């Protein structure tokens, strides 16, 4: 998992949100282009259904990724805090 391989920062999380936004915009643009080319109402419904499924799957996947990044950042900060508290108790 990439979240555990390297340290996570707020920038890492911001980049993940940016990646999701970019992917979502690309999916929406593709959907609009396909919808504009639909030759029938049935075809338009099929295009819309495929888009909804893909958008949902992307949302779930990216939400999971972002949640893991937040979790890893919290763990890192807690570990640092525990280290700091341990140092102050030794003094």
N, C-alpha and C. Protein backbone atom coordinates (compact mmCIF):
# COMPACT_ATOMS: atom_id res chain seq x y z
N UNK A 1 0.84 -1.18 0.00
CA UNK A 1 0.00 0.00 0.00
C UNK A 1 0.88 1.24 0.00
N UNK A 2 0.65 2.17 -0.92
CA UNK A 2 1.49 3.36 -1.01
C UNK A 2 1.44 4.22 0.25
N UNK A 3 0.32 4.22 0.95
CA UNK A 3 0.20 5.05 2.14
C UNK A 3 1.18 4.62 3.22
N UNK A 4 1.53 3.33 3.27
CA UNK A 4 2.42 2.84 4.30
C UNK A 4 3.87 2.81 3.85
N UNK A 5 4.11 2.91 2.55
CA UNK A 5 5.46 2.81 2.02
C UNK A 5 6.26 4.09 2.28
N UNK A 6 5.62 5.23 2.23
CA UNK A 6 6.30 6.50 2.43
C UNK A 6 5.54 7.32 3.46
N UNK A 7 6.23 8.27 4.08
CA UNK A 7 5.53 9.15 5.02
C UNK A 7 4.42 9.94 4.32
N UNK A 8 3.34 10.16 5.02
CA UNK A 8 2.21 10.90 4.48
C UNK A 8 2.24 12.31 5.05
N UNK A 9 1.98 13.27 4.18
CA UNK A 9 1.90 14.66 4.62
C UNK A 9 0.57 15.24 4.17
N UNK A 10 0.30 16.45 4.60
CA UNK A 10 -0.91 17.11 4.13
C UNK A 10 -0.87 17.29 2.62
N UNK A 11 0.33 17.49 2.08
CA UNK A 11 0.47 17.64 0.63
C UNK A 11 0.10 16.34 -0.09
N UNK A 12 0.48 15.21 0.49
CA UNK A 12 0.11 13.91 -0.09
C UNK A 12 -1.40 13.77 -0.18
N UNK A 13 -2.08 14.17 0.88
CA UNK A 13 -3.53 14.09 0.92
C UNK A 13 -4.15 15.08 -0.07
N UNK A 14 -3.61 16.28 -0.13
CA UNK A 14 -4.11 17.28 -1.09
C UNK A 14 -3.93 16.77 -2.53
N UNK A 15 -2.80 16.12 -2.79
CA UNK A 15 -2.57 15.55 -4.12
C UNK A 15 -3.59 14.46 -4.44
N UNK A 16 -3.93 13.66 -3.45
CA UNK A 16 -4.93 12.60 -3.65
C UNK A 16 -6.29 13.20 -3.99
N UNK A 17 -6.66 14.27 -3.29
CA UNK A 17 -7.92 14.95 -3.62
C UNK A 17 -7.85 15.53 -5.03
N UNK A 18 -6.71 16.10 -5.39
CA UNK A 18 -6.53 16.65 -6.73
C UNK A 18 -6.62 15.58 -7.80
N UNK A 19 -6.01 14.42 -7.54
CA UNK A 19 -6.08 13.31 -8.48
C UNK A 19 -7.53 12.85 -8.68
N UNK A 20 -8.26 12.78 -7.58
CA UNK A 20 -9.66 12.37 -7.68
C UNK A 20 -10.47 13.39 -8.48
N UNK A 21 -10.25 14.66 -8.22
CA UNK A 21 -10.97 15.70 -8.95
C UNK A 21 -10.66 15.64 -10.44
N UNK A 22 -9.39 15.44 -10.76
CA UNK A 22 -8.99 15.36 -12.16
C UNK A 22 -9.65 14.16 -12.85
N UNK A 23 -9.61 13.02 -12.18
CA UNK A 23 -10.21 11.81 -12.75
C UNK A 23 -11.72 11.99 -12.92
N UNK A 24 -12.36 12.60 -11.95
CA UNK A 24 -13.79 12.83 -12.03
C UNK A 24 -14.14 13.76 -13.19
N UNK A 25 -13.35 14.80 -13.36
CA UNK A 25 -13.57 15.73 -14.47
C UNK A 25 -13.38 15.03 -15.82
N UNK A 26 -12.36 14.19 -15.92
CA UNK A 26 -12.13 13.43 -17.16
C UNK A 26 -13.30 12.49 -17.45
N UNK A 27 -13.80 11.82 -16.42
CA UNK A 27 -14.94 10.93 -16.60
C UNK A 27 -16.17 11.70 -17.06
N UNK A 28 -16.39 12.86 -16.46
CA UNK A 28 -17.55 13.67 -16.81
C UNK A 28 -17.44 14.18 -18.24
N UNK A 29 -16.26 14.62 -18.63
CA UNK A 29 -16.05 15.09 -20.01
C UNK A 29 -16.31 13.97 -21.00
N UNK A 30 -15.81 12.79 -20.70
CA UNK A 30 -16.02 11.63 -21.56
C UNK A 30 -17.51 11.29 -21.65
N UNK A 31 -18.19 11.37 -20.53
CA UNK A 31 -19.63 11.09 -20.49
C UNK A 31 -20.40 12.07 -21.37
N UNK A 32 -20.09 13.35 -21.26
CA UNK A 32 -20.79 14.36 -22.05
C UNK A 32 -20.57 14.12 -23.55
N UNK A 33 -19.33 13.78 -23.91
CA UNK A 33 -19.03 13.50 -25.32
C UNK A 33 -19.81 12.28 -25.81
N UNK A 34 -19.85 11.23 -25.00
CA UNK A 34 -20.59 10.02 -25.39
C UNK A 34 -22.09 10.30 -25.45
N UNK A 35 -22.58 11.07 -24.50
CA UNK A 35 -24.01 11.39 -24.48
C UNK A 35 -24.39 12.22 -25.69
N UNK A 36 -23.53 13.13 -26.08
CA UNK A 36 -23.81 13.95 -27.26
C UNK A 36 -23.87 13.09 -28.52
N UNK A 37 -23.16 11.97 -28.54
CA UNK A 37 -23.15 11.08 -29.70
C UNK A 37 -24.22 10.00 -29.66
N UNK A 38 -25.00 9.98 -28.59
CA UNK A 38 -26.05 8.95 -28.48
C UNK A 38 -27.09 9.15 -29.57
N UNK A 39 -27.44 8.07 -30.24
CA UNK A 39 -28.37 8.13 -31.38
C UNK A 39 -29.82 7.82 -30.98
N UNK A 40 -29.99 7.30 -29.77
CA UNK A 40 -31.34 6.97 -29.34
C UNK A 40 -31.46 7.18 -27.84
N UNK A 41 -32.68 7.19 -27.38
CA UNK A 41 -32.93 7.34 -25.95
C UNK A 41 -32.37 6.14 -25.19
N UNK A 42 -32.51 4.97 -25.76
CA UNK A 42 -31.98 3.75 -25.14
C UNK A 42 -30.46 3.84 -25.00
N UNK A 43 -29.81 4.28 -26.05
CA UNK A 43 -28.36 4.43 -26.02
C UNK A 43 -27.95 5.48 -24.99
N UNK A 44 -28.72 6.56 -24.90
CA UNK A 44 -28.43 7.61 -23.91
C UNK A 44 -28.54 7.06 -22.49
N UNK A 45 -29.55 6.23 -22.23
CA UNK A 45 -29.69 5.61 -20.91
C UNK A 45 -28.53 4.67 -20.61
N UNK A 46 -28.09 3.93 -21.61
CA UNK A 46 -26.95 3.03 -21.43
C UNK A 46 -25.68 3.81 -21.09
N UNK A 47 -25.47 4.90 -21.80
CA UNK A 47 -24.30 5.76 -21.55
C UNK A 47 -24.37 6.33 -20.13
N UNK A 48 -25.55 6.79 -19.74
CA UNK A 48 -25.72 7.36 -18.41
C UNK A 48 -25.53 6.32 -17.33
N UNK A 49 -26.02 5.13 -17.54
CA UNK A 49 -25.86 4.05 -16.56
C UNK A 49 -24.39 3.67 -16.40
N UNK A 50 -23.69 3.56 -17.52
CA UNK A 50 -22.26 3.23 -17.46
C UNK A 50 -21.49 4.33 -16.74
N UNK A 51 -21.85 5.58 -17.01
CA UNK A 51 -21.19 6.69 -16.33
C UNK A 51 -21.44 6.66 -14.83
N UNK A 52 -22.68 6.42 -14.44
CA UNK A 52 -23.02 6.39 -13.01
C UNK A 52 -22.25 5.28 -12.31
N UNK A 53 -22.17 4.11 -12.94
CA UNK A 53 -21.43 2.99 -12.34
C UNK A 53 -19.95 3.34 -12.20
N UNK A 54 -19.36 3.87 -13.26
CA UNK A 54 -17.94 4.22 -13.23
C UNK A 54 -17.65 5.32 -12.22
N UNK A 55 -18.53 6.32 -12.16
CA UNK A 55 -18.34 7.42 -11.21
C UNK A 55 -18.43 6.91 -9.77
N UNK A 56 -19.38 6.01 -9.51
CA UNK A 56 -19.53 5.45 -8.17
C UNK A 56 -18.29 4.63 -7.79
N UNK A 57 -17.83 3.78 -8.71
CA UNK A 57 -16.66 2.95 -8.43
C UNK A 57 -15.43 3.81 -8.17
N UNK A 58 -15.26 4.86 -8.95
CA UNK A 58 -14.14 5.78 -8.74
C UNK A 58 -14.24 6.47 -7.39
N UNK A 59 -15.45 6.91 -7.05
CA UNK A 59 -15.66 7.57 -5.76
C UNK A 59 -15.29 6.64 -4.60
N UNK A 60 -15.76 5.41 -4.66
CA UNK A 60 -15.48 4.46 -3.58
C UNK A 60 -13.97 4.19 -3.50
N UNK A 61 -13.35 3.95 -4.64
CA UNK A 61 -11.91 3.66 -4.67
C UNK A 61 -11.08 4.84 -4.14
N UNK A 62 -11.39 6.03 -4.61
CA UNK A 62 -10.62 7.19 -4.19
C UNK A 62 -10.91 7.56 -2.73
N UNK A 63 -12.14 7.39 -2.30
CA UNK A 63 -12.47 7.66 -0.90
C UNK A 63 -11.70 6.73 0.03
N UNK A 64 -11.60 5.47 -0.37
CA UNK A 64 -10.85 4.49 0.40
C UNK A 64 -9.38 4.90 0.48
N UNK A 65 -8.83 5.30 -0.65
CA UNK A 65 -7.43 5.72 -0.70
C UNK A 65 -7.19 6.94 0.19
N UNK A 66 -8.05 7.93 0.09
CA UNK A 66 -7.90 9.15 0.89
C UNK A 66 -8.08 8.84 2.38
N UNK A 67 -9.02 7.96 2.70
CA UNK A 67 -9.21 7.57 4.11
C UNK A 67 -7.96 6.91 4.66
N UNK A 68 -7.34 6.04 3.86
CA UNK A 68 -6.10 5.38 4.29
C UNK A 68 -4.98 6.40 4.49
N UNK A 69 -4.89 7.38 3.63
CA UNK A 69 -3.87 8.43 3.80
C UNK A 69 -4.10 9.21 5.09
N UNK A 70 -5.36 9.56 5.36
CA UNK A 70 -5.68 10.26 6.62
C UNK A 70 -5.32 9.39 7.83
N UNK A 71 -5.64 8.12 7.74
CA UNK A 71 -5.33 7.19 8.84
C UNK A 71 -3.82 7.12 9.08
N UNK A 72 -3.06 6.99 7.99
CA UNK A 72 -1.60 6.90 8.13
C UNK A 72 -1.01 8.19 8.68
N UNK A 73 -1.53 9.33 8.25
CA UNK A 73 -1.05 10.61 8.78
C UNK A 73 -1.34 10.70 10.28
N UNK A 74 -2.52 10.28 10.69
CA UNK A 74 -2.87 10.29 12.12
C UNK A 74 -1.93 9.38 12.91
N UNK A 75 -1.63 8.20 12.37
CA UNK A 75 -0.70 7.29 13.04
C UNK A 75 0.68 7.91 13.19
N UNK A 76 1.15 8.54 12.12
CA UNK A 76 2.47 9.18 12.16
C UNK A 76 2.51 10.28 13.22
N UNK A 77 1.47 11.07 13.26
CA UNK A 77 1.44 12.17 14.24
C UNK A 77 1.33 11.65 15.66
N UNK A 78 0.56 10.60 15.85
CA UNK A 78 0.42 10.01 17.17
C UNK A 78 1.75 9.41 17.63
N UNK A 79 2.45 8.76 16.71
CA UNK A 79 3.76 8.19 17.04
C UNK A 79 4.73 9.29 17.47
N UNK A 80 4.73 10.39 16.73
CA UNK A 80 5.61 11.52 17.11
C UNK A 80 5.22 12.09 18.47
N UNK A 81 3.92 12.20 18.72
CA UNK A 81 3.45 12.73 19.99
C UNK A 81 3.84 11.80 21.13
N UNK A 82 3.70 10.49 20.91
CA UNK A 82 4.10 9.54 21.94
C UNK A 82 5.59 9.65 22.23
N UNK A 83 6.38 9.84 21.18
CA UNK A 83 7.82 10.01 21.36
C UNK A 83 8.14 11.27 22.14
N UNK A 84 7.43 12.34 21.84
CA UNK A 84 7.63 13.60 22.54
C UNK A 84 7.23 13.48 24.01
N UNK A 85 6.11 12.85 24.27
CA UNK A 85 5.65 12.67 25.65
C UNK A 85 6.64 11.79 26.41
N UNK A 86 7.15 10.75 25.76
CA UNK A 86 8.14 9.88 26.40
C UNK A 86 9.40 10.65 26.75
N UNK A 87 9.84 11.55 25.86
CA UNK A 87 11.04 12.35 26.13
C UNK A 87 10.82 13.30 27.30
N UNK A 88 9.64 13.90 27.39
CA UNK A 88 9.38 14.85 28.48
C UNK A 88 9.25 14.13 29.82
N UNK A 89 8.80 12.90 29.83
CA UNK A 89 8.69 12.15 31.07
C UNK A 89 10.06 11.73 31.60
N UNK A 90 11.00 11.54 30.69
CA UNK A 90 12.34 11.12 31.08
C UNK A 90 13.12 12.27 31.72
N UNK A 91 12.73 13.46 31.46
CA UNK A 91 13.45 14.63 32.00
C UNK A 91 13.19 14.87 33.42
